[in-house]
Amino acid sequence: MTTGPTMRARDNPFATACLRAAPVRFDPAEVDAFHERFRANGYRGAIVGPHGAGKTTFIGHIAPDFERRGWIVRHHHLRIDDRRIPAPFTADLGPKTLLILDSVEQLGPLAWARFRRRSRAAGGLLITLHAPARLPTVLTIRPSLARLTALVRDLAGPDVDGFEARLRSLFDEHGGNLHDILRALYDECAASS
């Protein structure tokens, strides 16, 4: 990767704005298998994978598919410092409402039971978590060096060729956590300018 001597933070190919615009690629067979399993489970299921593997990114990838099919998609991401589910999230649910609740491991058993009751009228319920639990697993996402390499190539351009050894090293160092790897690449890019 080449960087100019006067690179501004916003010009860093790993800046947040660039990451939001980057096309993360998922195998079409993986996407089709997800849709089939989710449908077969009555539109109830879990996407499972370690932190930073791409669960939330996958949701962003498939949500437009549901919207094109007439679903009303509501997505809420729980955080360790904010485990509340806003009341509007489960209000006025119908058979074509898909609730997507990200990071469900943030909910204790009682909060999960309350949420399940409040979400019964939704036509679909998709959750993400780090280990199988609470709903049948419809997709397991594992960290992928190939996905990381394709993303970095899209962000930084073709001069990534020959950079594979560094990506493999970062992948191993961060246990495949794409968030941490991209943050490290941002820092390295900023330091080299």
N, C-alpha and C. Protein backbone atom coordinates (compact mmCIF):
# COMPACT_ATOMS: atom_id res chain seq x y z
N MET A 1 0.85 -1.18 0.00
CA MET A 1 0.00 0.00 0.00
C MET A 1 0.88 1.23 0.00
N THR A 2 0.54 2.16 -0.82
CA THR A 2 1.31 3.39 -0.85
C THR A 2 0.48 4.50 -0.22
N THR A 3 1.14 5.30 0.54
CA THR A 3 0.46 6.44 1.16
C THR A 3 1.31 7.67 0.92
N GLY A 4 0.66 8.79 0.79
CA GLY A 4 1.39 10.03 0.56
C GLY A 4 1.93 10.59 1.86
N PRO A 5 2.95 11.46 1.78
CA PRO A 5 3.57 12.00 2.97
C PRO A 5 2.66 12.96 3.74
N THR A 6 1.61 13.45 3.12
CA THR A 6 0.73 14.39 3.81
C THR A 6 -0.68 13.83 3.94
N MET A 7 -0.79 12.55 4.17
CA MET A 7 -2.11 11.92 4.25
C MET A 7 -2.90 12.48 5.43
N ARG A 8 -4.11 12.92 5.12
CA ARG A 8 -5.03 13.36 6.16
C ARG A 8 -5.79 12.13 6.65
N ALA A 9 -6.31 12.19 7.85
CA ALA A 9 -7.03 11.05 8.43
C ALA A 9 -8.15 10.60 7.52
N ARG A 10 -8.89 11.53 6.93
CA ARG A 10 -10.01 11.16 6.08
C ARG A 10 -9.56 10.50 4.78
N ASP A 11 -8.27 10.67 4.41
CA ASP A 11 -7.74 10.05 3.20
C ASP A 11 -7.17 8.66 3.46
N ASN A 12 -7.09 8.28 4.71
CA ASN A 12 -6.60 6.95 5.06
C ASN A 12 -7.60 5.93 4.51
N PRO A 13 -7.14 4.95 3.71
CA PRO A 13 -8.09 4.00 3.12
C PRO A 13 -8.85 3.16 4.15
N PHE A 14 -8.39 3.19 5.40
CA PHE A 14 -9.05 2.41 6.44
C PHE A 14 -9.85 3.29 7.40
N ALA A 15 -10.10 4.53 6.99
CA ALA A 15 -10.93 5.44 7.78
C ALA A 15 -12.36 4.89 7.84
N THR A 16 -13.08 5.24 8.88
CA THR A 16 -14.43 4.74 9.09
C THR A 16 -15.34 4.98 7.89
N ALA A 17 -15.26 6.16 7.29
CA ALA A 17 -16.12 6.47 6.14
C ALA A 17 -15.83 5.52 4.98
N CYS A 18 -14.57 5.18 4.78
CA CYS A 18 -14.21 4.24 3.71
C CYS A 18 -14.73 2.85 4.02
N LEU A 19 -14.64 2.45 5.28
CA LEU A 19 -15.11 1.11 5.68
C LEU A 19 -16.61 0.98 5.46
N ARG A 20 -17.36 2.04 5.76
CA ARG A 20 -18.82 1.98 5.57
C ARG A 20 -19.19 1.80 4.11
N ALA A 21 -18.37 2.37 3.23
CA ALA A 21 -18.67 2.31 1.79
C ALA A 21 -18.10 1.06 1.12
N ALA A 22 -17.27 0.32 1.82
CA ALA A 22 -16.59 -0.84 1.21
C ALA A 22 -17.56 -1.99 1.01
N PRO A 23 -17.49 -2.63 -0.13
CA PRO A 23 -18.36 -3.77 -0.39
C PRO A 23 -17.77 -5.05 0.19
N VAL A 24 -18.30 -5.51 1.31
CA VAL A 24 -17.85 -6.78 1.87
C VAL A 24 -18.55 -7.88 1.10
N ARG A 25 -17.77 -8.82 0.62
CA ARG A 25 -18.33 -9.87 -0.22
C ARG A 25 -18.64 -11.12 0.60
N PHE A 26 -19.81 -11.66 0.36
CA PHE A 26 -20.19 -12.94 0.95
C PHE A 26 -20.47 -13.91 -0.19
N ASP A 27 -20.11 -15.14 0.01
CA ASP A 27 -20.33 -16.18 -0.99
C ASP A 27 -21.83 -16.30 -1.26
N PRO A 28 -22.26 -16.18 -2.52
CA PRO A 28 -23.69 -16.29 -2.82
C PRO A 28 -24.31 -17.60 -2.32
N ALA A 29 -23.55 -18.69 -2.34
CA ALA A 29 -24.07 -19.96 -1.82
C ALA A 29 -24.33 -19.87 -0.32
N GLU A 30 -23.46 -19.13 0.40
CA GLU A 30 -23.63 -18.92 1.84
C GLU A 30 -24.90 -18.11 2.10
N VAL A 31 -25.12 -17.08 1.30
CA VAL A 31 -26.31 -16.24 1.45
C VAL A 31 -27.57 -17.05 1.15
N ASP A 32 -27.54 -17.83 0.07
CA ASP A 32 -28.70 -18.67 -0.29
C ASP A 32 -28.99 -19.70 0.80
N ALA A 33 -27.94 -20.32 1.35
CA ALA A 33 -28.13 -21.31 2.42
C ALA A 33 -28.73 -20.65 3.65
N PHE A 34 -28.29 -19.44 3.98
CA PHE A 34 -28.88 -18.72 5.11
C PHE A 34 -30.37 -18.52 4.88
N HIS A 35 -30.74 -17.99 3.72
CA HIS A 35 -32.16 -17.72 3.43
C HIS A 35 -32.99 -19.01 3.54
N GLU A 36 -32.48 -20.10 3.02
CA GLU A 36 -33.21 -21.37 3.06
C GLU A 36 -33.39 -21.86 4.50
N ARG A 37 -32.32 -21.82 5.30
CA ARG A 37 -32.41 -22.28 6.69
C ARG A 37 -33.33 -21.38 7.51
N PHE A 38 -33.23 -20.07 7.29
CA PHE A 38 -34.05 -19.13 8.02
C PHE A 38 -35.53 -19.36 7.70
N ARG A 39 -35.85 -19.52 6.43
CA ARG A 39 -37.23 -19.81 6.02
C ARG A 39 -37.70 -21.13 6.60
N ALA A 40 -36.86 -22.16 6.54
CA ALA A 40 -37.22 -23.49 7.05
C ALA A 40 -37.47 -23.47 8.56
N ASN A 41 -36.86 -22.53 9.27
CA ASN A 41 -37.05 -22.40 10.72
C ASN A 41 -38.17 -21.41 11.06
N GLY A 42 -39.04 -21.14 10.12
CA GLY A 42 -40.15 -20.24 10.39
C GLY A 42 -39.72 -18.81 10.60
N TYR A 43 -38.63 -18.42 9.96
CA TYR A 43 -38.08 -17.06 10.08
C TYR A 43 -37.73 -16.73 11.52
N ARG A 44 -37.16 -17.71 12.19
CA ARG A 44 -36.61 -17.53 13.54
C ARG A 44 -35.24 -18.19 13.55
N GLY A 45 -34.21 -17.43 13.94
CA GLY A 45 -32.90 -18.05 13.96
C GLY A 45 -31.81 -17.13 14.43
N ALA A 46 -30.61 -17.71 14.54
CA ALA A 46 -29.44 -16.99 15.05
C ALA A 46 -28.29 -17.07 14.05
N ILE A 47 -27.59 -15.97 13.94
CA ILE A 47 -26.30 -15.94 13.25
C ILE A 47 -25.25 -15.96 14.34
N VAL A 48 -24.36 -16.93 14.27
CA VAL A 48 -23.40 -17.17 15.34
C VAL A 48 -21.98 -16.99 14.80
N GLY A 49 -21.13 -16.38 15.61
CA GLY A 49 -19.73 -16.23 15.23
C GLY A 49 -19.00 -15.38 16.25
N PRO A 50 -17.69 -15.49 16.26
CA PRO A 50 -16.90 -14.71 17.23
C PRO A 50 -16.97 -13.22 16.94
N HIS A 51 -16.56 -12.44 17.92
CA HIS A 51 -16.53 -10.99 17.79
C HIS A 51 -15.67 -10.60 16.60
N GLY A 52 -16.20 -9.74 15.75
CA GLY A 52 -15.43 -9.24 14.62
C GLY A 52 -15.39 -10.14 13.41
N ALA A 53 -16.20 -11.20 13.39
CA ALA A 53 -16.18 -12.13 12.26
C ALA A 53 -16.99 -11.63 11.08
N GLY A 54 -17.92 -10.71 11.31
CA GLY A 54 -18.72 -10.17 10.22
C GLY A 54 -20.21 -10.40 10.34
N LYS A 55 -20.71 -10.70 11.54
CA LYS A 55 -22.15 -10.96 11.72
C LYS A 55 -22.98 -9.72 11.39
N THR A 56 -22.61 -8.58 11.94
CA THR A 56 -23.36 -7.35 11.68
C THR A 56 -23.23 -6.94 10.23
N THR A 57 -22.07 -7.14 9.65
CA THR A 57 -21.87 -6.84 8.24
C THR A 57 -22.75 -7.73 7.38
N PHE A 58 -22.87 -9.00 7.76
CA PHE A 58 -23.73 -9.92 7.01
C PHE A 58 -25.19 -9.43 7.08
N ILE A 59 -25.62 -8.98 8.25
CA ILE A 59 -26.97 -8.45 8.39
C ILE A 59 -27.19 -7.28 7.44
N GLY A 60 -26.21 -6.38 7.38
CA GLY A 60 -26.31 -5.26 6.46
C GLY A 60 -26.38 -5.71 5.01
N HIS A 61 -25.78 -6.84 4.74
CA HIS A 61 -25.78 -7.40 3.38
C HIS A 61 -27.14 -8.00 3.00
N ILE A 62 -27.77 -8.69 3.96
CA ILE A 62 -29.02 -9.40 3.64
C ILE A 62 -30.28 -8.58 3.91
N ALA A 63 -30.21 -7.56 4.73
CA ALA A 63 -31.41 -6.77 5.05
C ALA A 63 -32.10 -6.22 3.80
N PRO A 64 -31.36 -5.69 2.83
CA PRO A 64 -32.04 -5.21 1.61
C PRO A 64 -32.78 -6.32 0.86
N ASP A 65 -32.28 -7.57 0.94
CA ASP A 65 -33.00 -8.69 0.32
C ASP A 65 -34.40 -8.81 0.90
N PHE A 66 -34.49 -8.71 2.21
CA PHE A 66 -35.80 -8.81 2.87
C PHE A 66 -36.69 -7.62 2.51
N GLU A 67 -36.11 -6.43 2.49
CA GLU A 67 -36.90 -5.25 2.15
C GLU A 67 -37.44 -5.35 0.73
N ARG A 68 -36.64 -5.87 -0.20
CA ARG A 68 -37.12 -6.05 -1.58
C ARG A 68 -38.27 -7.05 -1.64
N ARG A 69 -38.33 -7.96 -0.68
CA ARG A 69 -39.40 -8.96 -0.63
C ARG A 69 -40.60 -8.48 0.18
N GLY A 70 -40.59 -7.21 0.56
CA GLY A 70 -41.75 -6.63 1.23
C GLY A 70 -41.70 -6.66 2.75
N TRP A 71 -40.59 -7.08 3.33
CA TRP A 71 -40.47 -7.09 4.79
C TRP A 71 -40.17 -5.67 5.31
N ILE A 72 -40.64 -5.40 6.50
CA ILE A 72 -40.24 -4.20 7.24
C ILE A 72 -39.15 -4.65 8.19
N VAL A 73 -37.93 -4.17 7.97
CA VAL A 73 -36.78 -4.63 8.75
C VAL A 73 -36.46 -3.62 9.84
N ARG A 74 -36.41 -4.10 11.07
CA ARG A 74 -35.99 -3.28 12.21
C ARG A 74 -34.75 -3.92 12.81
N HIS A 75 -33.70 -3.13 12.94
CA HIS A 75 -32.42 -3.64 13.43
C HIS A 75 -32.01 -2.83 14.66
N HIS A 76 -31.67 -3.55 15.72
CA HIS A 76 -31.18 -2.88 16.93
C HIS A 76 -29.94 -3.61 17.41
N HIS A 77 -28.92 -2.85 17.76
CA HIS A 77 -27.65 -3.42 18.22
C HIS A 77 -27.49 -3.15 19.72
N LEU A 78 -27.47 -4.21 20.50
CA LEU A 78 -27.25 -4.07 21.94
C LEU A 78 -25.77 -3.84 22.20
N ARG A 79 -25.47 -3.12 23.26
CA ARG A 79 -24.08 -2.85 23.63
C ARG A 79 -23.91 -3.13 25.12
N ILE A 80 -22.69 -3.40 25.49
CA ILE A 80 -22.42 -3.71 26.90
C ILE A 80 -22.83 -2.54 27.79
N ASP A 81 -22.75 -1.31 27.27
CA ASP A 81 -23.11 -0.13 28.06
C ASP A 81 -24.54 0.34 27.78
N ASP A 82 -25.26 -0.36 26.91
CA ASP A 82 -26.65 -0.01 26.64
C ASP A 82 -27.40 -1.26 26.18
N ARG A 83 -27.98 -1.94 27.15
CA ARG A 83 -28.66 -3.21 26.89
C ARG A 83 -30.17 -3.05 26.75
N ARG A 84 -30.63 -1.81 26.67
CA ARG A 84 -32.07 -1.57 26.57
C ARG A 84 -32.56 -1.80 25.15
N ILE A 85 -33.76 -2.33 25.05
CA ILE A 85 -34.42 -2.46 23.76
C ILE A 85 -35.50 -1.39 23.72
N PRO A 86 -35.40 -0.44 22.82
CA PRO A 86 -36.39 0.64 22.80
C PRO A 86 -37.79 0.11 22.51
N ALA A 87 -38.79 0.66 23.17
CA ALA A 87 -40.18 0.21 23.01
C ALA A 87 -40.63 0.23 21.55
N PRO A 88 -40.29 1.25 20.75
CA PRO A 88 -40.75 1.25 19.35
C PRO A 88 -40.24 0.06 18.54
N PHE A 89 -39.14 -0.55 18.99
CA PHE A 89 -38.57 -1.68 18.26
C PHE A 89 -39.57 -2.84 18.17
N THR A 90 -40.36 -3.04 19.22
CA THR A 90 -41.32 -4.15 19.24
C THR A 90 -42.78 -3.68 19.16
N ALA A 91 -42.98 -2.44 18.76
CA ALA A 91 -44.35 -1.92 18.63
C ALA A 91 -44.90 -2.19 17.23
N ASP A 92 -46.20 -2.37 17.16
CA ASP A 92 -46.91 -2.52 15.88
C ASP A 92 -46.27 -3.58 14.98
N LEU A 93 -46.07 -4.75 15.53
CA LEU A 93 -45.47 -5.84 14.76
C LEU A 93 -46.50 -6.53 13.88
N GLY A 94 -46.05 -7.02 12.75
CA GLY A 94 -46.95 -7.73 11.86
C GLY A 94 -46.25 -8.91 11.21
N PRO A 95 -46.96 -9.65 10.38
CA PRO A 95 -46.39 -10.86 9.77
C PRO A 95 -45.26 -10.59 8.80
N LYS A 96 -45.09 -9.35 8.37
CA LYS A 96 -43.97 -9.02 7.48
C LYS A 96 -42.95 -8.10 8.17
N THR A 97 -42.93 -8.13 9.52
CA THR A 97 -41.92 -7.39 10.27
C THR A 97 -40.80 -8.35 10.64
N LEU A 98 -39.58 -7.97 10.29
CA LEU A 98 -38.40 -8.75 10.66
C LEU A 98 -37.63 -7.97 11.71
N LEU A 99 -37.56 -8.53 12.91
CA LEU A 99 -36.76 -7.93 13.97
C LEU A 99 -35.38 -8.55 13.94
N ILE A 100 -34.35 -7.71 13.92
CA ILE A 100 -32.97 -8.19 13.97
C ILE A 100 -32.35 -7.58 15.22
N LEU A 101 -32.00 -8.45 16.14
CA LEU A 101 -31.41 -8.01 17.41
C LEU A 101 -29.97 -8.52 17.47
N ASP A 102 -29.06 -7.59 17.44
CA ASP A 102 -27.63 -7.87 17.36
C ASP A 102 -27.03 -7.92 18.77
N SER A 103 -26.15 -8.86 19.01
CA SER A 103 -25.43 -9.02 20.28
C SER A 103 -26.36 -9.42 21.42
N VAL A 104 -27.15 -10.44 21.19
CA VAL A 104 -28.16 -10.89 22.16
C VAL A 104 -27.53 -11.38 23.46
N GLU A 105 -26.26 -11.76 23.43
CA GLU A 105 -25.63 -12.20 24.68
C GLU A 105 -25.62 -11.10 25.73
N GLN A 106 -25.92 -9.86 25.35
CA GLN A 106 -26.00 -8.77 26.32
C GLN A 106 -27.25 -8.86 27.20
N LEU A 107 -28.23 -9.66 26.78
CA LEU A 107 -29.47 -9.80 27.55
C LEU A 107 -29.37 -10.97 28.52
N GLY A 108 -29.75 -10.73 29.77
CA GLY A 108 -29.85 -11.81 30.73
C GLY A 108 -31.09 -12.65 30.44
N PRO A 109 -31.25 -13.77 31.12
CA PRO A 109 -32.39 -14.66 30.86
C PRO A 109 -33.75 -14.00 30.99
N LEU A 110 -33.95 -13.15 32.00
CA LEU A 110 -35.25 -12.49 32.17
C LEU A 110 -35.52 -11.48 31.06
N ALA A 111 -34.51 -10.69 30.73
CA ALA A 111 -34.68 -9.71 29.65
C ALA A 111 -34.93 -10.42 28.32
N TRP A 112 -34.27 -11.54 28.09
CA TRP A 112 -34.50 -12.31 26.86
C TRP A 112 -35.94 -12.84 26.83
N ALA A 113 -36.41 -13.37 27.95
CA ALA A 113 -37.79 -13.89 28.01
C ALA A 113 -38.80 -12.77 27.74
N ARG A 114 -38.58 -11.59 28.33
CA ARG A 114 -39.47 -10.45 28.08
C ARG A 114 -39.46 -10.07 26.61
N PHE A 115 -38.26 -10.03 26.03
CA PHE A 115 -38.16 -9.67 24.61
C PHE A 115 -38.87 -10.71 23.73
N ARG A 116 -38.69 -11.98 24.03
CA ARG A 116 -39.35 -13.03 23.23
C ARG A 116 -40.87 -12.87 23.27
N ARG A 117 -41.41 -12.56 24.45
CA ARG A 117 -42.86 -12.34 24.55
C ARG A 117 -43.29 -11.14 23.71
N ARG A 118 -42.54 -10.04 23.81
CA ARG A 118 -42.89 -8.82 23.09
C ARG A 118 -42.72 -8.96 21.57
N SER A 119 -41.92 -9.92 21.14
CA SER A 119 -41.62 -10.05 19.72
C SER A 119 -42.43 -11.14 19.03
N ARG A 120 -43.34 -11.80 19.75
CA ARG A 120 -44.10 -12.92 19.18
C ARG A 120 -44.85 -12.59 17.90
N ALA A 121 -45.38 -11.39 17.80
CA ALA A 121 -46.19 -11.03 16.64
C ALA A 121 -45.36 -10.71 15.39
N ALA A 122 -44.05 -10.63 15.54
CA ALA A 122 -43.19 -10.36 14.38
C ALA A 122 -43.17 -11.57 13.47
N GLY A 123 -43.17 -11.33 12.17
CA GLY A 123 -43.09 -12.42 11.21
C GLY A 123 -41.74 -13.09 11.19
N GLY A 124 -40.70 -12.37 11.61
CA GLY A 124 -39.35 -12.93 11.64
C GLY A 124 -38.55 -12.37 12.79
N LEU A 125 -37.65 -13.20 13.32
CA LEU A 125 -36.76 -12.78 14.40
C LEU A 125 -35.39 -13.37 14.12
N LEU A 126 -34.41 -12.50 13.94
CA LEU A 126 -33.03 -12.90 13.67
C LEU A 126 -32.15 -12.27 14.74
N ILE A 127 -31.32 -13.07 15.37
CA ILE A 127 -30.43 -12.57 16.41
C ILE A 127 -28.99 -12.92 16.04
N THR A 128 -28.07 -12.19 16.64
CA THR A 128 -26.66 -12.56 16.53
C THR A 128 -26.10 -12.76 17.93
N LEU A 129 -25.19 -13.70 18.02
CA LEU A 129 -24.49 -13.93 19.27
C LEU A 129 -23.22 -14.72 18.99
N HIS A 130 -22.39 -14.84 20.00
CA HIS A 130 -21.07 -15.45 19.82
C HIS A 130 -21.08 -16.97 19.87
N ALA A 131 -22.03 -17.56 20.53
CA ALA A 131 -22.10 -19.02 20.65
C ALA A 131 -23.54 -19.46 20.47
N PRO A 132 -23.77 -20.67 19.97
CA PRO A 132 -25.14 -21.14 19.76
C PRO A 132 -25.96 -21.10 21.05
N ALA A 133 -27.13 -20.48 20.98
CA ALA A 133 -28.04 -20.39 22.13
C ALA A 133 -29.30 -19.67 21.69
N ARG A 134 -30.34 -19.84 22.45
CA ARG A 134 -31.59 -19.09 22.40
C ARG A 134 -32.47 -19.33 21.18
N LEU A 135 -31.92 -19.41 19.99
CA LEU A 135 -32.68 -19.74 18.78
C LEU A 135 -31.81 -20.68 17.93
N PRO A 136 -32.43 -21.44 17.05
CA PRO A 136 -31.64 -22.34 16.19
C PRO A 136 -30.63 -21.54 15.35
N THR A 137 -29.45 -22.07 15.21
CA THR A 137 -28.43 -21.43 14.38
C THR A 137 -28.77 -21.62 12.91
N VAL A 138 -28.89 -20.51 12.19
CA VAL A 138 -29.17 -20.58 10.75
C VAL A 138 -27.93 -20.23 9.94
N LEU A 139 -26.91 -19.67 10.59
CA LEU A 139 -25.65 -19.38 9.91
C LEU A 139 -24.55 -19.23 10.95
N THR A 140 -23.42 -19.85 10.67
CA THR A 140 -22.22 -19.64 11.48
C THR A 140 -21.22 -18.89 10.61
N ILE A 141 -20.76 -17.77 11.10
CA ILE A 141 -19.78 -16.97 10.36
C ILE A 141 -18.44 -17.12 11.08
N ARG A 142 -17.46 -17.53 10.29
CA ARG A 142 -16.11 -17.69 10.82
C ARG A 142 -15.22 -16.62 10.20
N PRO A 143 -14.20 -16.19 10.93
CA PRO A 143 -13.26 -15.24 10.35
C PRO A 143 -12.66 -15.83 9.08
N SER A 144 -12.43 -14.99 8.09
CA SER A 144 -11.93 -15.45 6.79
C SER A 144 -10.81 -14.55 6.30
N LEU A 145 -9.64 -15.14 6.10
CA LEU A 145 -8.51 -14.39 5.55
C LEU A 145 -8.81 -13.96 4.12
N ALA A 146 -9.52 -14.79 3.36
CA ALA A 146 -9.87 -14.44 1.98
C ALA A 146 -10.79 -13.21 1.96
N ARG A 147 -11.78 -13.18 2.87
CA ARG A 147 -12.69 -12.02 2.93
C ARG A 147 -11.92 -10.77 3.34
N LEU A 148 -11.01 -10.91 4.31
CA LEU A 148 -10.19 -9.77 4.73
C LEU A 148 -9.35 -9.26 3.56
N THR A 149 -8.70 -10.16 2.84
CA THR A 149 -7.85 -9.75 1.72
C THR A 149 -8.65 -9.03 0.65
N ALA A 150 -9.83 -9.55 0.32
CA ALA A 150 -10.67 -8.89 -0.69
C ALA A 150 -11.09 -7.50 -0.22
N LEU A 151 -11.45 -7.38 1.06
CA LEU A 151 -11.86 -6.08 1.60
C LEU A 151 -10.70 -5.08 1.56
N VAL A 152 -9.52 -5.53 1.98
CA VAL A 152 -8.35 -4.64 1.98
C VAL A 152 -8.00 -4.24 0.55
N ARG A 153 -8.11 -5.15 -0.38
CA ARG A 153 -7.85 -4.82 -1.79
C ARG A 153 -8.84 -3.76 -2.28
N ASP A 154 -10.11 -3.90 -1.89
CA ASP A 154 -11.11 -2.90 -2.28
C ASP A 154 -10.83 -1.54 -1.66
N LEU A 155 -10.34 -1.53 -0.43
CA LEU A 155 -10.09 -0.27 0.27
C LEU A 155 -8.80 0.41 -0.18
N ALA A 156 -7.75 -0.38 -0.31
CA ALA A 156 -6.42 0.20 -0.53
C ALA A 156 -5.96 0.12 -1.98
N GLY A 157 -6.68 -0.60 -2.81
CA GLY A 157 -6.32 -0.70 -4.21
C GLY A 157 -5.46 -1.91 -4.50
N PRO A 158 -5.09 -2.06 -5.76
CA PRO A 158 -4.37 -3.26 -6.19
C PRO A 158 -2.95 -3.37 -5.63
N ASP A 159 -2.40 -2.28 -5.08
CA ASP A 159 -1.05 -2.37 -4.55
C ASP A 159 -0.97 -3.19 -3.26
N VAL A 160 -2.06 -3.84 -2.90
CA VAL A 160 -2.07 -4.74 -1.74
C VAL A 160 -1.33 -6.03 -2.09
N ASP A 161 -1.24 -6.33 -3.39
CA ASP A 161 -0.51 -7.54 -3.79
C ASP A 161 0.89 -7.50 -3.17
N GLY A 162 1.31 -8.60 -2.62
CA GLY A 162 2.57 -8.67 -1.92
C GLY A 162 2.42 -8.32 -0.45
N PHE A 163 1.23 -7.90 -0.05
CA PHE A 163 0.94 -7.51 1.33
C PHE A 163 0.27 -8.66 2.09
N GLU A 164 0.08 -9.80 1.39
CA GLU A 164 -0.66 -10.92 1.99
C GLU A 164 -0.02 -11.43 3.27
N ALA A 165 1.32 -11.45 3.32
CA ALA A 165 2.00 -11.95 4.52
C ALA A 165 1.65 -11.09 5.73
N ARG A 166 1.59 -9.76 5.53
CA ARG A 166 1.24 -8.86 6.64
C ARG A 166 -0.21 -9.08 7.06
N LEU A 167 -1.10 -9.28 6.09
CA LEU A 167 -2.50 -9.54 6.43
C LEU A 167 -2.64 -10.85 7.20
N ARG A 168 -1.91 -11.87 6.77
CA ARG A 168 -1.96 -13.16 7.47
C ARG A 168 -1.46 -13.01 8.91
N SER A 169 -0.39 -12.22 9.08
CA SER A 169 0.16 -11.98 10.41
C SER A 169 -0.87 -11.25 11.30
N LEU A 170 -1.50 -10.21 10.75
CA LEU A 170 -2.52 -9.48 11.51
C LEU A 170 -3.73 -10.37 11.81
N PHE A 171 -4.11 -11.18 10.84
CA PHE A 171 -5.23 -12.10 11.02
C PHE A 171 -4.96 -13.04 12.19
N ASP A 172 -3.76 -13.59 12.23
CA ASP A 172 -3.39 -14.50 13.33
C ASP A 172 -3.27 -13.76 14.66
N GLU A 173 -2.63 -12.59 14.61
CA GLU A 173 -2.41 -11.79 15.83
C GLU A 173 -3.73 -11.39 16.49
N HIS A 174 -4.75 -11.07 15.68
CA HIS A 174 -6.03 -10.59 16.20
C HIS A 174 -7.12 -11.66 16.17
N GLY A 175 -6.73 -12.91 15.98
CA GLY A 175 -7.71 -14.00 16.00
C GLY A 175 -8.82 -13.86 14.98
N GLY A 176 -8.53 -13.21 13.85
CA GLY A 176 -9.53 -13.05 12.81
C GLY A 176 -10.52 -11.92 13.03
N ASN A 177 -10.37 -11.16 14.12
CA ASN A 177 -11.29 -10.06 14.41
C ASN A 177 -11.07 -8.94 13.40
N LEU A 178 -12.00 -8.83 12.44
CA LEU A 178 -11.84 -7.86 11.36
C LEU A 178 -11.79 -6.42 11.86
N HIS A 179 -12.57 -6.11 12.90
CA HIS A 179 -12.56 -4.75 13.45
C HIS A 179 -11.15 -4.38 13.93
N ASP A 180 -10.56 -5.28 14.71
CA ASP A 180 -9.23 -5.00 15.26
C ASP A 180 -8.16 -4.95 14.17
N ILE A 181 -8.28 -5.81 13.16
CA ILE A 181 -7.32 -5.82 12.06
C ILE A 181 -7.40 -4.52 11.28
N LEU A 182 -8.60 -4.09 10.96
CA LEU A 182 -8.76 -2.85 10.20
C LEU A 182 -8.30 -1.63 11.00
N ARG A 183 -8.51 -1.67 12.32
CA ARG A 183 -8.02 -0.58 13.17
C ARG A 183 -6.49 -0.55 13.15
N ALA A 184 -5.87 -1.74 13.20
CA ALA A 184 -4.40 -1.81 13.14
C ALA A 184 -3.89 -1.31 11.79
N LEU A 185 -4.58 -1.66 10.72
CA LEU A 185 -4.17 -1.18 9.39
C LEU A 185 -4.32 0.34 9.29
N TYR A 186 -5.37 0.88 9.88
CA TYR A 186 -5.53 2.34 9.90
C TYR A 186 -4.33 2.98 10.60
N ASP A 187 -3.98 2.44 11.77
CA ASP A 187 -2.85 3.00 12.54
C ASP A 187 -1.55 2.88 11.76
N GLU A 188 -1.33 1.73 11.11
CA GLU A 188 -0.09 1.55 10.34
C GLU A 188 -0.04 2.52 9.17
N CYS A 189 -1.16 2.70 8.50
CA CYS A 189 -1.22 3.61 7.35
C CYS A 189 -0.95 5.05 7.82
N ALA A 190 -1.54 5.43 8.94
CA ALA A 190 -1.36 6.79 9.46
C ALA A 190 0.11 7.01 9.88
N ALA A 191 0.73 5.98 10.47
CA ALA A 191 2.10 6.10 10.93
C ALA A 191 3.09 6.17 9.77
N SER A 192 2.74 5.57 8.64
CA SER A 192 3.67 5.53 7.51
C SER A 192 3.60 6.77 6.63
N SER A 193 2.64 7.66 6.93
CA SER A 193 2.52 8.86 6.07
C SER A 193 3.35 10.00 6.60
